[in-house]
Protein backbone atom coordinates (compact mmCIF):
# COMPACT_ATOMS: atom_id res chain seq x y z
CA MET A 1 -15.06 -13.10 12.09
CA GLN A 2 -15.21 -13.83 8.48
CA ASN A 3 -16.55 -11.39 6.07
CA LYS A 4 -19.68 -11.81 5.20
CA VAL A 5 -22.06 -10.92 2.25
CA ILE A 6 -24.76 -9.38 3.89
CA PHE A 7 -26.57 -7.75 -0.08
CA ARG A 8 -25.92 -8.38 -3.06
CA THR A 9 -28.11 -7.19 -6.27
CA VAL A 10 -27.99 -6.80 -9.56
CA GLU A 11 -29.69 -3.41 -10.92
CA SER A 12 -30.92 -2.25 -14.44
CA GLY A 13 -30.14 1.08 -15.29
CA GLU A 14 -33.68 2.27 -14.26
CA SER A 15 -33.17 0.55 -10.75
CA ILE A 16 -29.96 1.40 -9.91
CA CYS A 17 -31.40 4.93 -8.79
CA ASP A 18 -32.92 3.38 -5.70
CA LEU A 19 -29.50 1.70 -4.33
CA PRO A 20 -28.96 4.16 -1.84
CA GLU A 21 -32.53 3.16 -0.10
CA ARG A 22 -31.67 -0.15 -0.58
CA ILE A 23 -28.61 -0.47 1.16
CA SER A 24 -30.14 1.90 3.92
CA GLU A 25 -32.68 -1.29 4.11
CA VAL A 26 -29.11 -3.49 4.54
CA PHE A 27 -28.65 -2.48 8.18
CA ASP A 28 -32.11 -2.76 9.56
CA GLY A 29 -31.78 -5.40 11.74
CA ASP A 30 -35.68 -6.05 10.95
CA MET A 31 -35.67 -5.99 7.29
CA ASN A 32 -32.02 -7.93 7.05
CA PRO A 33 -31.51 -10.69 9.87
CA LEU A 34 -27.82 -10.87 9.22
CA ALA A 35 -27.46 -6.84 10.14
CA ARG A 36 -27.96 -7.67 13.67
CA ASN A 37 -25.03 -9.02 13.90
CA ILE A 38 -22.74 -5.76 12.81
CA PRO A 39 -21.46 -4.37 15.45
CA ILE A 40 -22.80 -0.68 16.11
CA ASP A 41 -20.40 2.19 18.51
CA GLU A 42 -22.04 4.36 21.13
CA HIS A 43 -23.02 6.84 18.47
CA GLY A 44 -25.08 3.95 16.56
CA ILE A 45 -22.69 3.90 13.85
CA HIS A 46 -21.30 0.13 12.21
CA GLN A 47 -18.65 -1.09 12.41
CA GLY A 48 -16.45 -2.64 10.28
CA CYS A 49 -14.99 -2.42 6.96
CA PHE A 50 -17.59 -2.35 3.57
CA THR A 51 -16.77 -2.97 0.26
CA VAL A 52 -19.26 -1.42 -2.73
CA VAL A 53 -18.21 -2.38 -6.03
CA VAL A 54 -20.10 -1.23 -9.07
CA THR A 55 -19.67 -3.50 -12.52
CA TRP A 56 -21.45 -1.98 -15.92
CA THR A 57 -22.21 -4.83 -18.03
CA PRO A 58 -22.38 -3.34 -21.64
CA PRO A 59 -26.13 -4.28 -23.30
CA ASP A 60 -24.45 -5.56 -26.09
CA THR A 61 -23.41 -9.03 -23.89
CA ASP A 62 -27.01 -9.56 -22.78
CA THR A 63 -27.20 -13.46 -21.95
CA ASN A 64 -31.15 -12.72 -22.41
CA SER A 65 -32.56 -9.98 -24.69
CA ASP A 66 -36.55 -11.85 -24.64
CA THR A 67 -36.34 -10.88 -20.20
CA GLY A 68 -34.41 -8.21 -20.08
CA CYS A 69 -30.45 -7.52 -19.91
CA GLY A 70 -30.10 -11.25 -18.29
CA ASN A 71 -28.12 -10.28 -15.87
CA CYS A 72 -30.41 -8.60 -13.78
CA VAL A 73 -32.28 -10.42 -10.77
CA THR A 74 -34.32 -7.94 -9.52
CA CYS A 75 -35.67 -5.76 -12.44
CA SER A 76 -37.46 -6.42 -16.03
CA CYS A 77 -35.79 -4.39 -17.99
CA LYS A 78 -36.18 -4.38 -21.17
CA SER A 79 -34.16 -1.10 -22.50
CA HIS A 80 -31.18 -3.44 -23.32
């Protein structure tokens, strides 16, 4: 089976604190149907390798300052 993106998000400095909850929801098959394809072992632990990358974009590279940081999909931050 090839690699598959099961979650992608861009967060503001304010909304990133909710990331642990959002990641746990990624593995809930009711909230994310893609999670149903991830095998689990006899202890309920998901099998495979999960890559997590956090990239910071400085505010001076804002591409859309009227609506927020310009890179955020899930936020409406205007602090940049």
